[in-house]
Amino acid sequence: ADTDPLPGPRIEPTIEPVRIGPKVDPRYASAMQPAYPLDMARDEKDGKVTVRVLVGVDGRVKMVERVSATSDSFFEATRRHAITKWRFKPATVDGAPVEGWREMSVRFEMKA
């Protein structure tokens, strides 16, 4: 009699895809700072904004979500600037570009 156990299902090792998040495109690094909102500049207020941006496969910002902001003016200035000026190297999965989220912070400081 054959007493060998029946062969079970073959278990393949799982290989996690290599995921790399979006990175600031160095060619556009100098264009990351939004213009100071006029009302905040007039009142000489400093501020900070943190946003989550959805970076498309083309490296452009598709969506901006507010994480925190000192004021609505600072957030709006950052949101508008992010959509029009910010450029990234897109996120990748196994080397292929994909949409990806990235958190960014911007400081607004009046120079003394």
N, C-alpha and C. Protein backbone atom coordinates (compact mmCIF):
# COMPACT_ATOMS: atom_id res chain seq x y z
N ALA A 1 0.85 -1.18 0.00
CA ALA A 1 0.00 0.00 0.00
C ALA A 1 0.88 1.22 0.00
N ASP A 2 0.41 2.26 -0.73
CA ASP A 2 1.17 3.50 -0.84
C ASP A 2 0.78 4.39 0.33
N THR A 3 1.72 4.68 1.22
CA THR A 3 1.41 5.48 2.40
C THR A 3 1.89 6.93 2.26
N ASP A 4 2.42 7.29 1.08
CA ASP A 4 2.85 8.69 0.90
C ASP A 4 1.63 9.60 0.96
N PRO A 5 1.73 10.73 1.69
CA PRO A 5 0.59 11.66 1.73
C PRO A 5 0.41 12.29 0.35
N LEU A 6 -0.82 12.65 0.08
CA LEU A 6 -1.09 13.33 -1.18
C LEU A 6 -0.35 14.67 -1.20
N PRO A 7 0.17 15.03 -2.35
CA PRO A 7 0.85 16.32 -2.39
C PRO A 7 -0.16 17.45 -2.17
N GLY A 8 0.19 18.40 -1.31
CA GLY A 8 -0.69 19.54 -1.02
C GLY A 8 -0.48 20.62 -2.08
N PRO A 9 -1.23 21.68 -1.95
CA PRO A 9 -1.06 22.77 -2.91
C PRO A 9 0.33 23.38 -2.76
N ARG A 10 0.89 23.75 -3.88
CA ARG A 10 2.21 24.39 -3.83
C ARG A 10 2.03 25.81 -3.33
N ILE A 11 2.84 26.17 -2.38
CA ILE A 11 2.75 27.52 -1.83
C ILE A 11 3.86 28.36 -2.46
N GLU A 12 3.44 29.35 -3.23
CA GLU A 12 4.41 30.23 -3.88
C GLU A 12 4.82 31.31 -2.88
N PRO A 13 6.09 31.65 -2.86
CA PRO A 13 6.48 32.76 -1.99
C PRO A 13 5.86 34.06 -2.53
N THR A 14 5.39 34.90 -1.62
CA THR A 14 4.80 36.16 -2.08
C THR A 14 5.90 37.21 -2.16
N ILE A 15 5.92 37.89 -3.26
CA ILE A 15 6.92 38.93 -3.46
C ILE A 15 6.19 40.26 -3.45
N GLU A 16 6.55 41.10 -2.48
CA GLU A 16 5.92 42.41 -2.38
C GLU A 16 6.42 43.31 -3.51
N PRO A 17 5.52 44.05 -4.15
CA PRO A 17 5.99 44.99 -5.18
C PRO A 17 6.82 46.10 -4.55
N VAL A 18 7.75 46.61 -5.32
CA VAL A 18 8.58 47.71 -4.83
C VAL A 18 7.82 49.00 -5.05
N ARG A 19 7.46 49.65 -3.95
CA ARG A 19 6.69 50.90 -4.01
C ARG A 19 7.58 52.06 -3.59
N ILE A 20 7.59 53.11 -4.42
CA ILE A 20 8.35 54.31 -4.10
C ILE A 20 7.37 55.48 -4.20
N GLY A 21 7.30 56.29 -3.16
CA GLY A 21 6.37 57.41 -3.14
C GLY A 21 6.83 58.56 -4.03
N PRO A 22 5.93 59.50 -4.27
CA PRO A 22 6.29 60.66 -5.10
C PRO A 22 7.40 61.47 -4.45
N LYS A 23 8.26 62.05 -5.27
CA LYS A 23 9.35 62.89 -4.78
C LYS A 23 9.29 64.22 -5.51
N VAL A 24 9.74 65.28 -4.83
CA VAL A 24 9.78 66.59 -5.47
C VAL A 24 10.72 66.51 -6.66
N ASP A 25 10.28 67.01 -7.81
CA ASP A 25 11.14 67.05 -8.99
C ASP A 25 12.16 68.16 -8.77
N PRO A 26 13.46 67.83 -8.72
CA PRO A 26 14.47 68.85 -8.41
C PRO A 26 14.48 70.03 -9.38
N ARG A 27 14.01 69.81 -10.60
CA ARG A 27 13.97 70.92 -11.57
C ARG A 27 12.97 71.99 -11.15
N TYR A 28 12.02 71.62 -10.28
CA TYR A 28 10.98 72.56 -9.85
C TYR A 28 11.09 72.89 -8.36
N ALA A 29 12.18 72.49 -7.72
CA ALA A 29 12.31 72.68 -6.27
C ALA A 29 12.21 74.15 -5.88
N SER A 30 12.69 75.05 -6.73
CA SER A 30 12.64 76.48 -6.39
C SER A 30 11.23 77.05 -6.52
N ALA A 31 10.31 76.31 -7.11
CA ALA A 31 8.95 76.80 -7.33
C ALA A 31 7.96 76.25 -6.30
N MET A 32 8.45 75.75 -5.18
CA MET A 32 7.55 75.12 -4.21
C MET A 32 6.91 76.13 -3.26
N GLN A 33 7.49 77.32 -3.11
CA GLN A 33 6.97 78.30 -2.14
C GLN A 33 5.88 79.16 -2.76
N PRO A 34 4.66 79.10 -2.21
CA PRO A 34 3.58 79.94 -2.73
C PRO A 34 3.81 81.41 -2.38
N ALA A 35 3.15 82.29 -3.13
CA ALA A 35 3.20 83.72 -2.82
C ALA A 35 2.49 83.97 -1.49
N TYR A 36 2.97 84.95 -0.77
CA TYR A 36 2.36 85.32 0.51
C TYR A 36 0.97 85.89 0.26
N PRO A 37 -0.06 85.41 0.94
CA PRO A 37 -1.39 86.00 0.76
C PRO A 37 -1.37 87.48 1.20
N LEU A 38 -1.98 88.34 0.41
CA LEU A 38 -1.92 89.78 0.69
C LEU A 38 -2.45 90.15 2.06
N ASP A 39 -3.59 89.53 2.46
CA ASP A 39 -4.15 89.89 3.77
C ASP A 39 -3.22 89.50 4.92
N MET A 40 -2.53 88.37 4.78
CA MET A 40 -1.62 87.93 5.83
C MET A 40 -0.34 88.79 5.84
N ALA A 41 0.11 89.18 4.66
CA ALA A 41 1.30 90.05 4.58
C ALA A 41 0.98 91.41 5.19
N ARG A 42 -0.21 91.93 4.88
CA ARG A 42 -0.62 93.24 5.40
C ARG A 42 -0.67 93.21 6.93
N ASP A 43 -1.16 92.10 7.49
CA ASP A 43 -1.25 91.95 8.95
C ASP A 43 0.06 91.43 9.55
N GLU A 44 1.06 91.21 8.70
CA GLU A 44 2.38 90.70 9.13
C GLU A 44 2.25 89.41 9.95
N LYS A 45 1.42 88.50 9.46
CA LYS A 45 1.23 87.21 10.13
C LYS A 45 2.07 86.13 9.45
N ASP A 46 2.69 85.29 10.28
CA ASP A 46 3.40 84.12 9.78
C ASP A 46 2.42 82.94 9.81
N GLY A 47 2.76 81.89 9.08
CA GLY A 47 1.89 80.73 9.11
C GLY A 47 2.55 79.49 8.58
N LYS A 48 1.82 78.40 8.73
CA LYS A 48 2.30 77.11 8.24
C LYS A 48 1.10 76.34 7.71
N VAL A 49 1.32 75.65 6.62
CA VAL A 49 0.27 74.83 6.01
C VAL A 49 0.84 73.44 5.77
N THR A 50 0.05 72.43 6.11
CA THR A 50 0.41 71.06 5.76
C THR A 50 -0.74 70.51 4.93
N VAL A 51 -0.39 69.97 3.77
CA VAL A 51 -1.39 69.42 2.86
C VAL A 51 -0.96 68.02 2.42
N ARG A 52 -1.94 67.24 2.00
CA ARG A 52 -1.69 65.98 1.30
C ARG A 52 -2.02 66.24 -0.15
N VAL A 53 -1.09 65.88 -1.02
CA VAL A 53 -1.33 66.08 -2.45
C VAL A 53 -1.34 64.73 -3.15
N LEU A 54 -2.28 64.60 -4.10
CA LEU A 54 -2.33 63.41 -4.94
C LEU A 54 -1.55 63.74 -6.20
N VAL A 55 -0.46 63.02 -6.40
CA VAL A 55 0.41 63.25 -7.55
C VAL A 55 0.05 62.24 -8.63
N GLY A 56 -0.27 62.76 -9.82
CA GLY A 56 -0.62 61.89 -10.94
C GLY A 56 0.60 61.26 -11.58
N VAL A 57 0.37 60.37 -12.52
CA VAL A 57 1.47 59.68 -13.20
C VAL A 57 2.33 60.65 -14.01
N ASP A 58 1.78 61.85 -14.31
CA ASP A 58 2.56 62.86 -15.04
C ASP A 58 3.35 63.77 -14.10
N GLY A 59 3.26 63.53 -12.78
CA GLY A 59 4.01 64.34 -11.82
C GLY A 59 3.29 65.60 -11.39
N ARG A 60 2.09 65.84 -11.93
CA ARG A 60 1.32 67.03 -11.56
C ARG A 60 0.38 66.73 -10.40
N VAL A 61 0.10 67.77 -9.62
CA VAL A 61 -0.82 67.62 -8.49
C VAL A 61 -2.26 67.57 -9.03
N LYS A 62 -2.99 66.52 -8.64
CA LYS A 62 -4.37 66.34 -9.09
C LYS A 62 -5.37 66.77 -8.02
N MET A 63 -4.96 66.66 -6.76
CA MET A 63 -5.86 66.95 -5.67
C MET A 63 -5.05 67.44 -4.47
N VAL A 64 -5.64 68.36 -3.69
CA VAL A 64 -4.97 68.88 -2.49
C VAL A 64 -5.95 68.75 -1.33
N GLU A 65 -5.51 68.09 -0.26
CA GLU A 65 -6.32 67.96 0.95
C GLU A 65 -5.64 68.72 2.08
N ARG A 66 -6.43 69.46 2.82
CA ARG A 66 -5.91 70.22 3.96
C ARG A 66 -5.67 69.29 5.13
N VAL A 67 -4.46 69.30 5.67
CA VAL A 67 -4.16 68.57 6.90
C VAL A 67 -4.23 69.56 8.05
N SER A 68 -3.53 70.69 7.92
CA SER A 68 -3.60 71.77 8.90
C SER A 68 -3.16 73.06 8.22
N ALA A 69 -3.66 74.17 8.76
CA ALA A 69 -3.29 75.47 8.21
C ALA A 69 -3.53 76.54 9.25
N THR A 70 -2.61 77.49 9.34
CA THR A 70 -2.76 78.60 10.27
C THR A 70 -3.99 79.43 9.91
N SER A 71 -4.28 79.55 8.62
CA SER A 71 -5.46 80.31 8.19
C SER A 71 -5.94 79.80 6.85
N ASP A 72 -7.19 80.16 6.52
CA ASP A 72 -7.74 79.79 5.22
C ASP A 72 -6.94 80.46 4.09
N SER A 73 -6.47 81.69 4.32
CA SER A 73 -5.70 82.39 3.29
C SER A 73 -4.42 81.63 2.95
N PHE A 74 -3.71 81.16 3.97
CA PHE A 74 -2.49 80.41 3.72
C PHE A 74 -2.80 79.10 2.99
N PHE A 75 -3.89 78.43 3.40
CA PHE A 75 -4.26 77.18 2.74
C PHE A 75 -4.62 77.42 1.28
N GLU A 76 -5.45 78.43 1.00
CA GLU A 76 -5.86 78.70 -0.38
C GLU A 76 -4.65 79.03 -1.26
N ALA A 77 -3.73 79.84 -0.74
CA ALA A 77 -2.53 80.19 -1.51
C ALA A 77 -1.72 78.94 -1.82
N THR A 78 -1.60 78.05 -0.84
CA THR A 78 -0.85 76.80 -1.02
C THR A 78 -1.56 75.89 -2.01
N ARG A 79 -2.89 75.76 -1.88
CA ARG A 79 -3.66 74.88 -2.76
C ARG A 79 -3.54 75.33 -4.22
N ARG A 80 -3.75 76.61 -4.45
CA ARG A 80 -3.67 77.12 -5.83
C ARG A 80 -2.27 76.93 -6.41
N HIS A 81 -1.26 77.23 -5.59
CA HIS A 81 0.12 77.12 -6.06
C HIS A 81 0.49 75.65 -6.33
N ALA A 82 0.05 74.75 -5.45
CA ALA A 82 0.36 73.32 -5.61
C ALA A 82 -0.19 72.80 -6.94
N ILE A 83 -1.43 73.18 -7.25
CA ILE A 83 -2.06 72.67 -8.47
C ILE A 83 -1.39 73.25 -9.72
N THR A 84 -0.97 74.51 -9.67
CA THR A 84 -0.42 75.13 -10.88
C THR A 84 1.09 74.98 -11.03
N LYS A 85 1.85 74.93 -9.92
CA LYS A 85 3.31 75.01 -10.02
C LYS A 85 4.08 73.78 -9.54
N TRP A 86 3.55 73.06 -8.56
CA TRP A 86 4.33 71.96 -8.01
C TRP A 86 4.44 70.82 -9.01
N ARG A 87 5.64 70.26 -9.10
CA ARG A 87 5.89 69.09 -9.96
C ARG A 87 6.67 68.06 -9.16
N PHE A 88 6.33 66.81 -9.39
CA PHE A 88 6.95 65.70 -8.67
C PHE A 88 7.41 64.64 -9.66
N LYS A 89 8.30 63.79 -9.16
CA LYS A 89 8.56 62.53 -9.85
C LYS A 89 7.49 61.60 -9.30
N PRO A 90 6.66 61.00 -10.15
CA PRO A 90 5.52 60.23 -9.64
C PRO A 90 5.94 59.01 -8.83
N ALA A 91 5.00 58.55 -8.01
CA ALA A 91 5.21 57.31 -7.28
C ALA A 91 5.35 56.17 -8.30
N THR A 92 6.00 55.11 -7.90
CA THR A 92 6.13 53.94 -8.78
C THR A 92 5.85 52.66 -8.02
N VAL A 93 5.36 51.69 -8.75
CA VAL A 93 5.24 50.32 -8.25
C VAL A 93 5.98 49.46 -9.25
N ASP A 94 7.05 48.82 -8.78
CA ASP A 94 7.92 48.02 -9.65
C ASP A 94 8.39 48.82 -10.87
N GLY A 95 8.67 50.11 -10.64
CA GLY A 95 9.22 50.95 -11.70
C GLY A 95 8.20 51.61 -12.61
N ALA A 96 6.92 51.23 -12.50
CA ALA A 96 5.88 51.82 -13.34
C ALA A 96 5.23 52.98 -12.59
N PRO A 97 5.05 54.15 -13.24
CA PRO A 97 4.46 55.29 -12.54
C PRO A 97 3.00 55.03 -12.17
N VAL A 98 2.65 55.44 -10.95
CA VAL A 98 1.28 55.32 -10.45
C VAL A 98 0.94 56.60 -9.69
N GLU A 99 -0.36 56.84 -9.49
CA GLU A 99 -0.76 57.95 -8.64
C GLU A 99 -0.33 57.65 -7.21
N GLY A 100 0.00 58.71 -6.48
CA GLY A 100 0.40 58.49 -5.09
C GLY A 100 0.24 59.76 -4.26
N TRP A 101 0.00 59.58 -2.97
CA TRP A 101 -0.16 60.70 -2.04
C TRP A 101 1.15 61.07 -1.40
N ARG A 102 1.31 62.36 -1.12
CA ARG A 102 2.49 62.83 -0.41
C ARG A 102 2.07 64.00 0.47
N GLU A 103 2.61 64.04 1.68
CA GLU A 103 2.34 65.16 2.57
C GLU A 103 3.44 66.21 2.41
N MET A 104 3.02 67.46 2.33
CA MET A 104 3.96 68.58 2.17
C MET A 104 3.61 69.67 3.17
N SER A 105 4.66 70.32 3.70
CA SER A 105 4.45 71.46 4.59
C SER A 105 5.10 72.69 4.00
N VAL A 106 4.45 73.83 4.18
CA VAL A 106 4.94 75.10 3.67
C VAL A 106 4.90 76.10 4.82
N ARG A 107 5.98 76.86 4.96
CA ARG A 107 6.02 77.93 5.97
C ARG A 107 5.93 79.28 5.29
N PHE A 108 5.16 80.14 5.91
CA PHE A 108 5.08 81.53 5.47
C PHE A 108 5.68 82.37 6.59
N GLU A 109 6.79 83.02 6.32
CA GLU A 109 7.45 83.82 7.35
C GLU A 109 7.77 85.20 6.80
N MET A 110 7.35 86.22 7.56
CA MET A 110 7.71 87.60 7.19
C MET A 110 9.18 87.77 7.52
N LYS A 111 9.94 88.27 6.53
CA LYS A 111 11.36 88.49 6.77
C LYS A 111 11.52 89.78 7.56
N ALA A 112 12.35 89.73 8.58
CA ALA A 112 12.54 90.90 9.44
C ALA A 112 13.26 92.02 8.70
